[in-house]
Amino acid sequence: MKTVQISLNSIDKVKSFVNAITQFDFDFDLISGRYVIDAKSIMGIFSLDLSKPIDLAIHSEENLDEIMEVIKPYLVD
């Protein structure tokens, strides 16, 4: 498992992020405080505070390079 910080501070970013990660078969979780949300759930994402960076937990050891490339636009520097 790998955890990175992402920013989803607009509706368009949320939609494109969900579309980008649904191509993978592994689980992705968004962690904000004590809340853990399925990252493939648009409704779940909108229940979080999107004004702050969110932790993304990637539940895979395979294809990490490919996943990191796909989520690159959302990563917090």
Protein backbone atom coordinates (compact mmCIF):
# COMPACT_ATOMS: atom_id res chain seq x y z
CA MET A 1 0.00 0.00 0.00
CA LYS A 2 1.16 3.52 -0.80
CA THR A 3 -0.26 6.78 0.55
CA VAL A 4 0.05 10.16 -1.19
CA GLN A 5 -1.58 13.55 -0.69
CA ILE A 6 -3.90 14.86 -3.38
CA SER A 7 -5.98 17.99 -3.90
CA LEU A 8 -9.50 17.82 -5.37
CA ASN A 9 -10.55 21.44 -5.00
CA SER A 10 -13.04 21.65 -7.90
CA ILE A 11 -15.96 19.64 -9.24
CA ASP A 12 -14.14 19.05 -12.54
CA LYS A 13 -11.08 17.72 -10.70
CA VAL A 14 -13.24 15.28 -8.71
CA LYS A 15 -14.94 13.98 -11.88
CA SER A 16 -11.70 13.57 -13.83
CA PHE A 17 -9.96 11.96 -10.82
CA VAL A 18 -12.72 9.34 -10.39
CA ASN A 19 -12.69 8.63 -14.14
CA ALA A 20 -8.90 8.23 -14.05
CA ILE A 21 -8.76 5.73 -11.17
CA THR A 22 -11.78 3.61 -12.14
CA GLN A 23 -9.64 2.06 -14.89
CA PHE A 24 -7.72 0.20 -12.16
CA ASP A 25 -9.12 -2.86 -10.39
CA PHE A 26 -7.55 -2.16 -6.99
CA ASP A 27 -9.08 -0.30 -4.08
CA PHE A 28 -8.37 3.37 -3.47
CA ASP A 29 -9.38 5.09 -0.23
CA LEU A 30 -9.49 8.79 0.59
CA ILE A 31 -8.66 9.57 4.20
CA SER A 32 -9.64 12.89 5.75
CA GLY A 33 -9.36 13.01 9.52
CA ARG A 34 -11.32 10.04 10.83
CA TYR A 35 -13.27 9.53 7.60
CA VAL A 36 -12.29 6.86 5.07
CA ILE A 37 -14.12 7.05 1.75
CA ASP A 38 -13.99 4.86 -1.36
CA ALA A 39 -12.09 7.08 -3.82
CA LYS A 40 -14.18 5.74 -6.72
CA SER A 41 -17.36 7.18 -5.15
CA ILE A 42 -18.13 10.70 -6.37
CA MET A 43 -20.83 11.13 -3.72
CA GLY A 44 -18.43 9.96 -1.02
CA ILE A 45 -15.77 12.43 -2.15
CA PHE A 46 -18.20 15.34 -1.96
CA SER A 47 -18.88 14.46 1.70
CA LEU A 48 -15.26 15.40 2.54
CA ASP A 49 -13.74 18.82 3.16
CA LEU A 50 -12.20 19.43 -0.27
CA SER A 51 -10.57 22.73 0.70
CA LYS A 52 -7.63 20.80 2.24
CA PRO A 53 -5.33 18.12 0.81
CA ILE A 54 -6.61 14.57 1.29
CA ASP A 55 -4.62 11.37 1.80
CA LEU A 56 -5.09 8.80 -0.98
CA ALA A 57 -4.33 5.20 0.02
CA ILE A 58 -3.53 2.98 -2.97
CA HIS A 59 -4.10 -0.68 -2.09
CA SER A 60 -1.72 -2.19 -4.62
CA GLU A 61 1.94 -2.97 -5.06
CA GLU A 62 1.51 -3.57 -8.79
CA ASN A 63 1.38 -0.89 -11.49
CA LEU A 64 2.38 1.83 -9.01
CA ASP A 65 4.33 3.73 -11.68
CA GLU A 66 1.32 3.73 -13.98
CA ILE A 67 -1.03 4.78 -11.16
CA MET A 68 1.31 7.60 -10.08
CA GLU A 69 1.43 8.86 -13.67
CA VAL A 70 -2.38 8.90 -13.90
CA ILE A 71 -2.84 10.73 -10.58
CA LYS A 72 0.06 13.15 -11.13
CA PRO A 73 -2.22 16.17 -11.88
CA TYR A 74 -3.87 15.78 -8.45
CA LEU A 75 -0.75 15.32 -6.29
CA VAL A 76 0.13 17.97 -3.72
CA ASP A 77 3.70 19.19 -4.20
